[in-house]
């Protein structure tokens, strides 16, 4: 039995969604295999035919131990995207054995958004041409995929607040086959542009949070370009939305005044079921015996107008 077969052997079968512990969930609905593929932080993959019961988890990310990621990188916020006949694995990789900076007493590990590729949605996902996509001396995370109005592919990602103390949302162009990046990055907006997030600063004052997390782009049925993203309201993980005034990823991006999800739900993404229903998957958390645990949930979503509206929690039918 080879390496891939061993890592693909299922641990559990017919697991209900509410029994799965998963942070930063992302779902790909693949019409060719008529299967849903769910991944997220941890880099593991779950498979389902009905969104109700899942098999897994499988290990599908095959990183290069000789690369900057090292032997056993942490994997955060993985996403699957289908593009031009291939399947791509966007994720944040962290090498805890390498520190790139120290800011305000915090040692910052080597961390970056990166892309792997596969011929199949279930993997394995393997490295491509470029060994790095983003600068080695800056921690970046939560990369997601978008094809711009110019027809070019882009990665949208965050420069982590731990280094710049005011997290950014940025874009960078990808090569046509997504095997690397082209040119420089551009800042789309900063964490403290948000009117709905809030934290207490070191001097005792309060203001917008410095955290940017979990971007995901969408277009309403009226053609308006939006981005959901997540930050904090004090100690509560919360998701908001911004819209591009130009209708392009260049913005300017204008933040909505209020969050779009209930408190304690965040890092969402949108997908359509195999029957065409639009849903959002996001996680919530609770503390169990002092342990911070996150669980995925489905929400109904309406983008028929100029704004995304998040509805009730969705329960798949038997």
C-alpha atoms as a PDB file:
ATOM      1  CA  UNK A   1       0.000   0.000   0.000  1.00  0.00           C
ATOM      2  CA  UNK A   2       1.566   3.298  -1.041  1.00  0.00           C
ATOM      3  CA  UNK A   3       1.700   6.582   0.873  1.00  0.00           C
ATOM      4  CA  UNK A   4      -1.354   8.076  -0.815  1.00  0.00           C
ATOM      5  CA  UNK A   5      -3.544   5.023  -0.230  1.00  0.00           C
ATOM      6  CA  UNK A   6      -2.648   4.889   3.455  1.00  0.00           C
ATOM      7  CA  UNK A   7      -3.418   8.555   3.979  1.00  0.00           C
ATOM      8  CA  UNK A   8      -6.717   8.235   2.118  1.00  0.00           C
ATOM      9  CA  UNK A   9      -8.051   5.393   4.275  1.00  0.00           C
ATOM     10  CA  UNK A  10     -11.255   6.640   5.969  1.00  0.00           C
ATOM     11  CA  UNK A  11     -11.255   6.932   9.745  1.00  0.00           C
ATOM     12  CA  UNK A  12     -15.046   7.285  10.162  1.00  0.00           C
ATOM     13  CA  UNK A  13     -18.142   6.888   8.019  1.00  0.00           C
ATOM     14  CA  UNK A  14     -21.628   8.452   8.068  1.00  0.00           C
ATOM     15  CA  UNK A  15     -20.628  11.156  10.529  1.00  0.00           C
ATOM     16  CA  UNK A  16     -23.302  13.867  11.015  1.00  0.00           C
ATOM     17  CA  UNK A  17     -22.163  17.452  10.547  1.00  0.00           C
ATOM     18  CA  UNK A  18     -22.746  18.385  14.177  1.00  0.00           C
ATOM     19  CA  UNK A  19     -20.283  15.682  15.248  1.00  0.00           C
ATOM     20  CA  UNK A  20     -17.424  17.127  13.174  1.00  0.00           C
ATOM     21  CA  UNK A  21     -14.941  19.503  14.827  1.00  0.00           C
ATOM     22  CA  UNK A  22     -13.663  21.846  12.122  1.00  0.00           C
ATOM     23  CA  UNK A  23     -12.405  25.409  11.956  1.00  0.00           C
ATOM     24  CA  UNK A  24     -12.648  27.653   8.866  1.00  0.00           C
ATOM     25  CA  UNK A  25     -14.833  25.211   6.878  1.00  0.00           C
ATOM     26  CA  UNK A  26     -14.935  25.270   3.082  1.00  0.00           C
ATOM     27  CA  UNK A  27     -17.071  23.105   0.789  1.00  0.00           C
ATOM     28  CA  UNK A  28     -16.647  22.245  -2.880  1.00  0.00           C
ATOM     29  CA  UNK A  29     -19.732  20.770  -4.574  1.00  0.00           C
ATOM     30  CA  UNK A  30     -18.377  18.729  -7.474  1.00  0.00           C
ATOM     31  CA  UNK A  31     -20.930  17.926 -10.178  1.00  0.00           C
ATOM     32  CA  UNK A  32     -18.743  15.350 -11.924  1.00  0.00           C
ATOM     33  CA  UNK A  33     -18.454  13.082  -8.885  1.00  0.00           C
ATOM     34  CA  UNK A  34     -21.789  14.247  -7.400  1.00  0.00           C
ATOM     35  CA  UNK A  35     -19.940  14.646  -4.116  1.00  0.00           C
ATOM     36  CA  UNK A  36     -19.339  17.395  -1.574  1.00  0.00           C
ATOM     37  CA  UNK A  37     -15.774  17.880  -0.336  1.00  0.00           C
ATOM     38  CA  UNK A  38     -15.263  19.758   2.938  1.00  0.00           C
ATOM     39  CA  UNK A  39     -11.938  20.937   4.315  1.00  0.00           C
ATOM     40  CA  UNK A  40     -10.599  23.707   6.542  1.00  0.00           C
ATOM     41  CA  UNK A  41      -8.018  24.222   9.259  1.00  0.00           C
ATOM     42  CA  UNK A  42      -6.082  21.032   9.883  1.00  0.00           C
ATOM     43  CA  UNK A  43      -5.938  20.290   6.160  1.00  0.00           C
ATOM     44  CA  UNK A  44      -8.137  17.189   6.390  1.00  0.00           C
ATOM     45  CA  UNK A  45     -10.846  16.324   3.874  1.00  0.00           C
ATOM     46  CA  UNK A  46     -14.390  15.045   4.412  1.00  0.00           C
ATOM     47  CA  UNK A  47     -16.673  13.679   1.667  1.00  0.00           C
ATOM     48  CA  UNK A  48     -20.479  13.553   1.513  1.00  0.00           C
ATOM     49  CA  UNK A  49     -23.255  12.773  -0.941  1.00  0.00           C
ATOM     50  CA  UNK A  50     -25.989  14.680   0.879  1.00  0.00           C
ATOM     51  CA  UNK A  51     -24.393  17.316   3.204  1.00  0.00           C
ATOM     52  CA  UNK A  52     -25.924  15.414   6.121  1.00  0.00           C
ATOM     53  CA  UNK A  53     -23.464  12.550   6.638  1.00  0.00           C
ATOM     54  CA  UNK A  54     -19.732  12.691   5.987  1.00  0.00           C
ATOM     55  CA  UNK A  55     -16.911  10.164   5.524  1.00  0.00           C
ATOM     56  CA  UNK A  56     -13.353  10.889   6.596  1.00  0.00           C
ATOM     57  CA  UNK A  57     -11.219  12.644   7.439  1.00  0.00           C
ATOM     58  CA  UNK A  58      -8.623  11.990   4.746  1.00  0.00           C
ATOM     59  CA  UNK A  59      -5.161  13.558   4.502  1.00  0.00           C
ATOM     60  CA  UNK A  60      -4.723  14.942   0.990  1.00  0.00           C
ATOM     61  CA  UNK A  61      -2.124  17.755   1.196  1.00  0.00           C
ATOM     62  CA  UNK A  62       1.264  16.381   0.141  1.00  0.00           C
ATOM     63  CA  UNK A  63       3.762  19.148   0.877  1.00  0.00           C
ATOM     64  CA  UNK A  64       7.476  19.051   0.104  1.00  0.00           C
ATOM     65  CA  UNK A  65       9.494  18.590   3.341  1.00  0.00           C
ATOM     66  CA  UNK A  66      12.519  20.208   1.659  1.00  0.00           C
ATOM     67  CA  UNK A  67      10.543  23.409   0.997  1.00  0.00           C
ATOM     68  CA  UNK A  68      10.165  26.392   3.319  1.00  0.00           C
ATOM     69  CA  UNK A  69       7.187  24.605   4.944  1.00  0.00           C
ATOM     70  CA  UNK A  70       9.415  22.020   6.591  1.00  0.00           C
ATOM     71  CA  UNK A  71       8.601  18.479   7.580  1.00  0.00           C
ATOM     72  CA  UNK A  72       5.173  18.868   9.186  1.00  0.00           C
ATOM     73  CA  UNK A  73       3.622  22.295   8.571  1.00  0.00           C
ATOM     74  CA  UNK A  74       0.485  23.472  10.297  1.00  0.00           C
ATOM     75  CA  UNK A  75      -2.348  23.875   7.779  1.00  0.00           C
ATOM     76  CA  UNK A  76      -5.007  26.549   8.293  1.00  0.00           C
ATOM     77  CA  UNK A  77      -8.099  27.646   6.374  1.00  0.00           C
ATOM     78  CA  UNK A  78      -7.793  25.265   3.433  1.00  0.00           C
ATOM     79  CA  UNK A  79     -10.139  25.808   0.464  1.00  0.00           C
ATOM     80  CA  UNK A  80     -10.809  23.784  -2.700  1.00  0.00           C
ATOM     81  CA  UNK A  81     -11.409  25.483  -6.054  1.00  0.00           C
ATOM     82  CA  UNK A  82     -12.054  24.008  -9.485  1.00  0.00           C
ATOM     83  CA  UNK A  83     -10.479  25.957 -12.361  1.00  0.00           C
ATOM     84  CA  UNK A  84      -9.838  25.013 -15.985  1.00  0.00           C
ATOM     85  CA  UNK A  85     -10.047  21.270 -15.476  1.00  0.00           C
ATOM     86  CA  UNK A  86      -7.896  21.127 -12.348  1.00  0.00           C
ATOM     87  CA  UNK A  87      -8.582  21.289  -8.620  1.00  0.00           C
ATOM     88  CA  UNK A  88      -6.636  23.700  -6.426  1.00  0.00           C
ATOM     89  CA  UNK A  89      -5.953  23.652  -2.710  1.00  0.00           C
ATOM     90  CA  UNK A  90      -5.536  27.150  -1.263  1.00  0.00           C
ATOM     91  CA  UNK A  91      -4.252  27.027   2.318  1.00  0.00           C
ATOM     92  CA  UNK A  92      -2.114  28.712   4.954  1.00  0.00           C
ATOM     93  CA  UNK A  93       1.018  26.782   5.857  1.00  0.00           C
ATOM     94  CA  UNK A  94       3.119  27.450   8.969  1.00  0.00           C
ATOM     95  CA  UNK A  95       6.635  26.224   9.713  1.00  0.00           C
ATOM     96  CA  UNK A  96       6.898  26.463  13.497  1.00  0.00           C
ATOM     97  CA  UNK A  97      10.631  25.758  13.397  1.00  0.00           C
ATOM     98  CA  UNK A  98      11.412  29.039  11.605  1.00  0.00           C
ATOM     99  CA  UNK A  99      10.837  32.506  13.099  1.00  0.00           C
ATOM    100  CA  UNK A 100      10.839  35.454  10.713  1.00  0.00           C
ATOM    101  CA  UNK A 101      10.257  38.353  13.097  1.00  0.00           C
ATOM    102  CA  UNK A 102       9.541  39.454  16.650  1.00  0.00           C
ATOM    103  CA  UNK A 103       6.974  42.224  17.174  1.00  0.00           C
ATOM    104  CA  UNK A 104       5.958  43.550  20.597  1.00  0.00           C
ATOM    105  CA  UNK A 105       7.422  40.477  22.233  1.00  0.00           C
ATOM    106  CA  UNK A 106       5.659  38.002  19.947  1.00  0.00           C
ATOM    107  CA  UNK A 107       7.807  35.621  17.902  1.00  0.00           C
ATOM    108  CA  UNK A 108       6.308  35.265  14.419  1.00  0.00           C
ATOM    109  CA  UNK A 109       6.581  31.922  12.648  1.00  0.00           C
ATOM    110  CA  UNK A 110       7.169  31.456   8.919  1.00  0.00           C
ATOM    111  CA  UNK A 111       3.613  31.473   7.589  1.00  0.00           C
ATOM    112  CA  UNK A 112       2.153  32.028   4.147  1.00  0.00           C
ATOM    113  CA  UNK A 113      -0.722  31.333   1.800  1.00  0.00           C
ATOM    114  CA  UNK A 114       0.176  28.798  -0.868  1.00  0.00           C
ATOM    115  CA  UNK A 115      -1.514  26.701  -3.578  1.00  0.00           C
ATOM    116  CA  UNK A 116      -1.376  22.962  -4.345  1.00  0.00           C
ATOM    117  CA  UNK A 117      -2.952  21.158  -7.323  1.00  0.00           C
ATOM    118  CA  UNK A 118      -4.696  17.883  -8.178  1.00  0.00           C
ATOM    119  CA  UNK A 119      -6.468  16.244 -11.099  1.00  0.00           C
ATOM    120  CA  UNK A 120      -9.204  15.049  -8.733  1.00  0.00           C
ATOM    121  CA  UNK A 121     -11.249  16.833  -6.060  1.00  0.00           C
ATOM    122  CA  UNK A 122     -10.307  14.169  -3.513  1.00  0.00           C
ATOM    123  CA  UNK A 123      -6.596  14.700  -4.096  1.00  0.00           C
ATOM    124  CA  UNK A 124      -3.771  14.149  -3.574  1.00  0.00           C
ATOM    125  CA  UNK A 125      -2.843  17.835  -3.784  1.00  0.00           C
ATOM    126  CA  UNK A 126       0.810  18.442  -4.654  1.00  0.00           C
ATOM    127  CA  UNK A 127       3.173  21.432  -5.081  1.00  0.00           C
ATOM    128  CA  UNK A 128       3.506  23.309  -8.348  1.00  0.00           C
ATOM    129  CA  UNK A 129       6.222  25.432  -9.961  1.00  0.00           C
ATOM    130  CA  UNK A 130       6.839  28.327  -7.568  1.00  0.00           C
ATOM    131  CA  UNK A 131       8.330  27.448  -4.165  1.00  0.00           C
ATOM    132  CA  UNK A 132       6.828  30.632  -2.686  1.00  0.00           C
ATOM    133  CA  UNK A 133       3.820  32.765  -3.612  1.00  0.00           C
ATOM    134  CA  UNK A 134       4.274  35.599  -1.110  1.00  0.00           C
ATOM    135  CA  UNK A 135       7.222  37.303   0.662  1.00  0.00           C
ATOM    136  CA  UNK A 136       9.134  35.144   3.141  1.00  0.00           C
ATOM    137  CA  UNK A 137       9.545  37.945   5.688  1.00  0.00           C
ATOM    138  CA  UNK A 138       5.824  38.629   6.184  1.00  0.00           C
ATOM    139  CA  UNK A 139       3.167  36.320   7.688  1.00  0.00           C
ATOM    140  CA  UNK A 140       0.214  35.935   5.306  1.00  0.00           C
ATOM    141  CA  UNK A 141      -2.871  33.801   5.664  1.00  0.00           C
ATOM    142  CA  UNK A 142      -6.376  32.818   4.517  1.00  0.00           C
ATOM    143  CA  UNK A 143      -5.761  32.992   0.769  1.00  0.00           C
ATOM    144  CA  UNK A 144      -8.850  32.601  -1.422  1.00  0.00           C
ATOM    145  CA  UNK A 145      -9.428  32.544  -5.186  1.00  0.00           C
ATOM    146  CA  UNK A 146     -11.120  34.971  -7.554  1.00  0.00           C
ATOM    147  CA  UNK A 147     -11.131  35.540 -11.310  1.00  0.00           C
ATOM    148  CA  UNK A 148     -11.157  39.264 -11.973  1.00  0.00           C
ATOM    149  CA  UNK A 149     -13.134  41.236 -14.492  1.00  0.00           C
ATOM    150  CA  UNK A 150      -9.974  41.257 -16.613  1.00  0.00           C
ATOM    151  CA  UNK A 151     -10.152  37.454 -16.831  1.00  0.00           C
ATOM    152  CA  UNK A 152      -6.998  37.038 -14.746  1.00  0.00           C
ATOM    153  CA  UNK A 153      -6.835  34.791 -11.659  1.00  0.00           C
ATOM    154  CA  UNK A 154      -6.037  36.344  -8.280  1.00  0.00           C
ATOM    155  CA  UNK A 155      -5.357  35.349  -4.719  1.00  0.00           C
ATOM    156  CA  UNK A 156      -7.009  37.490  -2.045  1.00  0.00           C
ATOM    157  CA  UNK A 157      -5.278  37.113   1.333  1.00  0.00           C
ATOM    158  CA  UNK A 158      -4.462  38.757   4.658  1.00  0.00           C
ATOM    159  CA  UNK A 159      -1.187  40.198   5.922  1.00  0.00           C
ATOM    160  CA  UNK A 160      -1.393  39.103   9.536  1.00  0.00           C
ATOM    161  CA  UNK A 161      -1.985  41.687  12.245  1.00  0.00           C
ATOM    162  CA  UNK A 162       0.688  40.117  14.479  1.00  0.00           C
ATOM    163  CA  UNK A 163       3.299  41.894  12.389  1.00  0.00           C
ATOM    164  CA  UNK A 164       1.653  45.059  11.058  1.00  0.00           C
ATOM    165  CA  UNK A 165      -0.761  45.585  13.990  1.00  0.00           C
ATOM    166  CA  UNK A 166      -3.505  46.561  11.536  1.00  0.00           C
ATOM    167  CA  UNK A 167      -4.264  43.502   9.401  1.00  0.00           C
ATOM    168  CA  UNK A 168      -4.746  44.059   5.697  1.00  0.00           C
ATOM    169  CA  UNK A 169      -6.786  42.483   2.945  1.00  0.00           C
ATOM    170  CA  UNK A 170      -4.653  42.246  -0.192  1.00  0.00           C
ATOM    171  CA  UNK A 171      -4.619  40.856  -3.726  1.00  0.00           C
ATOM    172  CA  UNK A 172      -1.946  39.395  -5.960  1.00  0.00           C
ATOM    173  CA  UNK A 173      -2.208  38.119  -9.526  1.00  0.00           C
ATOM    174  CA  UNK A 174      -1.648  34.408 -10.136  1.00  0.00           C
ATOM    175  CA  UNK A 175      -0.084  32.756 -13.154  1.00  0.00           C
ATOM    176  CA  UNK A 176      -2.632  31.426 -15.690  1.00  0.00           C
ATOM    177  CA  UNK A 177      -2.257  27.882 -14.295  1.00  0.00           C
ATOM    178  CA  UNK A 178      -2.107  29.168 -10.679  1.00  0.00           C
ATOM    179  CA  UNK A 179       1.411  27.714 -10.319  1.00  0.00           C
ATOM    180  CA  UNK A 180       2.812  30.945  -8.874  1.00  0.00           C
ATOM    181  CA  UNK A 181       2.274  34.684  -8.549  1.00  0.00           C
ATOM    182  CA  UNK A 182       2.838  37.586 -10.928  1.00  0.00           C
ATOM    183  CA  UNK A 183       4.021  41.048  -9.900  1.00  0.00           C
ATOM    184  CA  UNK A 184       3.395  42.745  -6.584  1.00  0.00           C
ATOM    185  CA  UNK A 185       0.605  42.874  -4.055  1.00  0.00           C
ATOM    186  CA  UNK A 186      -1.966  45.606  -3.527  1.00  0.00           C
ATOM    187  CA  UNK A 187      -3.828  46.482  -0.336  1.00  0.00           C
ATOM    188  CA  UNK A 188      -7.621  46.458  -0.704  1.00  0.00           C
ATOM    189  CA  UNK A 189      -8.508  47.582   2.832  1.00  0.00           C
ATOM    190  CA  UNK A 190      -7.298  47.439   6.416  1.00  0.00           C
ATOM    191  CA  UNK A 191      -8.818  45.915   9.538  1.00  0.00           C
ATOM    192  CA  UNK A 192      -9.469  49.251  11.175  1.00  0.00           C
ATOM    193  CA  UNK A 193     -11.595  50.382   8.224  1.00  0.00           C
ATOM    194  CA  UNK A 194     -14.353  48.249   9.744  1.00  0.00           C
ATOM    195  CA  UNK A 195     -17.187  50.061  11.568  1.00  0.00           C
ATOM    196  CA  UNK A 196     -18.588  46.905  13.207  1.00  0.00           C
ATOM    197  CA  UNK A 197     -15.509  45.258  14.758  1.00  0.00           C
ATOM    198  CA  UNK A 198     -14.208  46.432  18.120  1.00  0.00           C
ATOM    199  CA  UNK A 199     -11.506  45.745  20.681  1.00  0.00           C
ATOM    200  CA  UNK A 200      -9.872  47.385  23.664  1.00  0.00           C
ATOM    201  CA  UNK A 201      -6.444  48.818  22.891  1.00  0.00           C
ATOM    202  CA  UNK A 202      -3.354  48.664  25.088  1.00  0.00           C
ATOM    203  CA  UNK A 203      -3.929  52.223  26.356  1.00  0.00           C
ATOM    204  CA  UNK A 204      -7.433  51.323  27.560  1.00  0.00           C
ATOM    205  CA  UNK A 205      -9.309  52.992  24.720  1.00  0.00           C
ATOM    206  CA  UNK A 206     -11.608  51.078  22.360  1.00  0.00           C
ATOM    207  CA  UNK A 207     -11.827  51.019  18.594  1.00  0.00           C
ATOM    208  CA  UNK A 208     -11.897  48.788  15.518  1.00  0.00           C
ATOM    209  CA  UNK A 209     -10.216  45.402  15.736  1.00  0.00           C
ATOM    210  CA  UNK A 210      -6.797  44.919  14.136  1.00  0.00           C
ATOM    211  CA  UNK A 211      -7.665  41.438  12.796  1.00  0.00           C
ATOM    212  CA  UNK A 212      -8.507  40.507   9.199  1.00  0.00           C
ATOM    213  CA  UNK A 213      -9.516  36.886   8.599  1.00  0.00           C
ATOM    214  CA  UNK A 214     -11.286  34.669   6.103  1.00  0.00           C
ATOM    215  CA  UNK A 215     -11.975  36.644   2.886  1.00  0.00           C
ATOM    216  CA  UNK A 216     -14.413  35.164   0.375  1.00  0.00           C
ATOM    217  CA  UNK A 217     -15.623  36.997  -2.717  1.00  0.00           C
ATOM    218  CA  UNK A 218     -19.011  36.754  -4.404  1.00  0.00           C
ATOM    219  CA  UNK A 219     -21.194  38.613  -6.859  1.00  0.00           C
ATOM    220  CA  UNK A 220     -24.877  39.311  -6.277  1.00  0.00           C
ATOM    221  CA  UNK A 221     -27.427  38.517  -8.957  1.00  0.00           C
ATOM    222  CA  UNK A 222     -27.538  42.255  -9.744  1.00  0.00           C
ATOM    223  CA  UNK A 223     -23.781  42.151 -10.471  1.00  0.00           C
ATOM    224  CA  UNK A 224     -22.491  43.788  -7.295  1.00  0.00           C
ATOM    225  CA  UNK A 225     -19.102  42.523  -6.079  1.00  0.00           C
ATOM    226  CA  UNK A 226     -18.858  41.743  -2.374  1.00  0.00           C
ATOM    227  CA  UNK A 227     -16.461  40.181   0.094  1.00  0.00           C
ATOM    228  CA  UNK A 228     -17.335  38.498   3.369  1.00  0.00           C
ATOM    229  CA  UNK A 229     -14.573  38.566   5.959  1.00  0.00           C
ATOM    230  CA  UNK A 230     -14.183  38.025   9.691  1.00  0.00           C
ATOM    231  CA  UNK A 231     -12.813  39.901  12.685  1.00  0.00           C
ATOM    232  CA  UNK A 232     -13.728  40.289  16.348  1.00  0.00           C
ATOM    233  CA  UNK A 233     -16.187  42.223  18.486  1.00  0.00           C
ATOM    234  CA  UNK A 234     -14.166  42.124  21.684  1.00  0.00           C
ATOM    235  CA  UNK A 235     -13.948  38.360  22.384  1.00  0.00           C
ATOM    236  CA  UNK A 236     -16.629  37.296  19.882  1.00  0.00           C
ATOM    237  CA  UNK A 237     -15.605  36.063  16.421  1.00  0.00           C
ATOM    238  CA  UNK A 238     -17.885  37.877  13.952  1.00  0.00           C
ATOM    239  CA  UNK A 239     -18.354  38.175  10.194  1.00  0.00           C
ATOM    240  CA  UNK A 240     -19.052  41.266   8.131  1.00  0.00           C
ATOM    241  CA  UNK A 241     -19.177  42.231   4.465  1.00  0.00           C
ATOM    242  CA  UNK A 242     -17.716  44.893   2.175  1.00  0.00           C
ATOM    243  CA  UNK A 243     -18.746  45.910  -1.334  1.00  0.00           C
ATOM    244  CA  UNK A 244     -16.625  47.274  -4.172  1.00  0.00           C
ATOM    245  CA  UNK A 245     -17.810  50.631  -5.463  1.00  0.00           C
ATOM    246  CA  UNK A 246     -16.121  50.067  -8.838  1.00  0.00           C
ATOM    247  CA  UNK A 247     -17.426  46.517  -9.217  1.00  0.00           C
ATOM    248  CA  UNK A 248     -13.835  45.252  -9.467  1.00  0.00           C
ATOM    249  CA  UNK A 249     -11.470  43.807  -6.885  1.00  0.00           C
ATOM    250  CA  UNK A 250      -9.569  47.107  -6.937  1.00  0.00           C
ATOM    251  CA  UNK A 251     -12.417  48.741  -5.022  1.00  0.00           C
ATOM    252  CA  UNK A 252     -12.639  51.062  -3.250  1.00  0.00           C
ATOM    253  CA  UNK A 253     -14.149  48.668  -0.727  1.00  0.00           C
ATOM    254  CA  UNK A 254     -16.895  50.082   1.484  1.00  0.00           C
ATOM    255  CA  UNK A 255     -17.701  48.277   4.713  1.00  0.00           C
ATOM    256  CA  UNK A 256     -21.259  47.629   5.820  1.00  0.00           C
ATOM    257  CA  UNK A 257     -22.110  49.095   9.212  1.00  0.00           C
ATOM    258  CA  UNK A 258     -23.329  45.889  10.864  1.00  0.00           C
ATOM    259  CA  UNK A 259     -22.193  42.235  10.867  1.00  0.00           C
ATOM    260  CA  UNK A 260     -24.050  39.804   8.615  1.00  0.00           C
ATOM    261  CA  UNK A 261     -24.028  36.733  10.861  1.00  0.00           C
ATOM    262  CA  UNK A 262     -25.124  36.206  14.453  1.00  0.00           C
ATOM    263  CA  UNK A 263     -22.408  36.556  17.114  1.00  0.00           C
ATOM    264  CA  UNK A 264     -19.960  33.658  17.354  1.00  0.00           C
ATOM    265  CA  UNK A 265     -20.146  32.693  13.667  1.00  0.00           C
ATOM    266  CA  UNK A 266     -17.332  33.450  11.236  1.00  0.00           C
ATOM    267  CA  UNK A 267     -14.880  32.496   8.500  1.00  0.00           C
ATOM    268  CA  UNK A 268     -17.663  31.688   6.060  1.00  0.00           C
ATOM    269  CA  UNK A 269     -17.717  30.833   2.377  1.00  0.00           C
ATOM    270  CA  UNK A 270     -20.499  30.391  -0.178  1.00  0.00           C
ATOM    271  CA  UNK A 271     -21.321  27.352  -2.292  1.00  0.00           C
ATOM    272  CA  UNK A 272     -24.244  25.983  -4.259  1.00  0.00           C
ATOM    273  CA  UNK A 273     -25.629  22.560  -3.525  1.00  0.00           C
ATOM    274  CA  UNK A 274     -25.731  20.014  -6.348  1.00  0.00           C
ATOM    275  CA  UNK A 275     -29.388  21.046  -6.732  1.00  0.00           C
ATOM    276  CA  UNK A 276     -28.431  24.734  -7.056  1.00  0.00           C
ATOM    277  CA  UNK A 277     -29.360  26.103  -3.618  1.00  0.00           C
ATOM    278  CA  UNK A 278     -26.990  28.795  -2.322  1.00  0.00           C
ATOM    279  CA  UNK A 279     -25.585  28.172   1.158  1.00  0.00           C
ATOM    280  CA  UNK A 280     -22.897  29.563   3.414  1.00  0.00           C
ATOM    281  CA  UNK A 281     -20.787  27.334   5.649  1.00  0.00           C
ATOM    282  CA  UNK A 282     -19.198  28.982   8.692  1.00  0.00           C
ATOM    283  CA  UNK A 283     -18.016  27.884  12.109  1.00  0.00           C
ATOM    284  CA  UNK A 284     -19.054  28.693  15.645  1.00  0.00           C
ATOM    285  CA  UNK A 285     -17.203  27.829  18.827  1.00  0.00           C
ATOM    286  CA  UNK A 286     -17.800  26.736  22.374  1.00  0.00           C
ATOM    287  CA  UNK A 287     -15.573  25.970  25.325  1.00  0.00           C
ATOM    288  CA  UNK A 288     -15.567  22.325  26.428  1.00  0.00           C
ATOM    289  CA  UNK A 289     -13.548  21.585  29.573  1.00  0.00           C
ATOM    290  CA  UNK A 290     -11.467  24.673  28.868  1.00  0.00           C
ATOM    291  CA  UNK A 291     -10.825  23.675  25.262  1.00  0.00           C
ATOM    292  CA  UNK A 292     -11.814  26.042  22.434  1.00  0.00           C
ATOM    293  CA  UNK A 293     -13.758  23.905  19.921  1.00  0.00           C
ATOM    294  CA  UNK A 294     -15.208  24.978  16.569  1.00  0.00           C
ATOM    295  CA  UNK A 295     -18.060  23.368  14.633  1.00  0.00           C
ATOM    296  CA  UNK A 296     -19.282  23.962  11.050  1.00  0.00           C
ATOM    297  CA  UNK A 297     -22.835  25.104  10.267  1.00  0.00           C
ATOM    298  CA  UNK A 298     -24.823  25.775   7.089  1.00  0.00           C
ATOM    299  CA  UNK A 299     -26.810  28.987   6.570  1.00  0.00           C
ATOM    300  CA  UNK A 300     -29.327  29.865   3.884  1.00  0.00           C
ATOM    301  CA  UNK A 301     -28.184  32.845   1.802  1.00  0.00           C
ATOM    302  CA  UNK A 302     -29.974  35.273  -0.522  1.00  0.00           C
ATOM    303  CA  UNK A 303     -28.029  37.316  -3.109  1.00  0.00           C
ATOM    304  CA  UNK A 304     -30.975  38.125  -5.398  1.00  0.00           C
ATOM    305  CA  UNK A 305     -30.720  41.852  -4.624  1.00  0.00           C
ATOM    306  CA  UNK A 306     -27.824  44.280  -4.198  1.00  0.00           C
ATOM    307  CA  UNK A 307     -26.743  42.808  -0.852  1.00  0.00           C
ATOM    308  CA  UNK A 308     -26.016  39.406   0.621  1.00  0.00           C
ATOM    309  CA  UNK A 309     -28.579  38.401   3.219  1.00  0.00           C
ATOM    310  CA  UNK A 310     -27.865  35.565   5.623  1.00  0.00           C
ATOM    311  CA  UNK A 311     -30.937  33.563   6.612  1.00  0.00           C
ATOM    312  CA  UNK A 312     -31.611  30.762   9.037  1.00  0.00           C
ATOM    313  CA  UNK A 313     -29.404  27.759   9.752  1.00  0.00           C
ATOM    314  CA  UNK A 314     -30.001  25.151   7.054  1.00  0.00           C
ATOM    315  CA  UNK A 315     -30.753  21.533   7.885  1.00  0.00           C
ATOM    316  CA  UNK A 316     -30.265  19.048   5.020  1.00  0.00           C
ATOM    317  CA  UNK A 317     -33.220  16.772   4.341  1.00  0.00           C
ATOM    318  CA  UNK A 318     -32.972  13.046   4.831  1.00  0.00           C
END
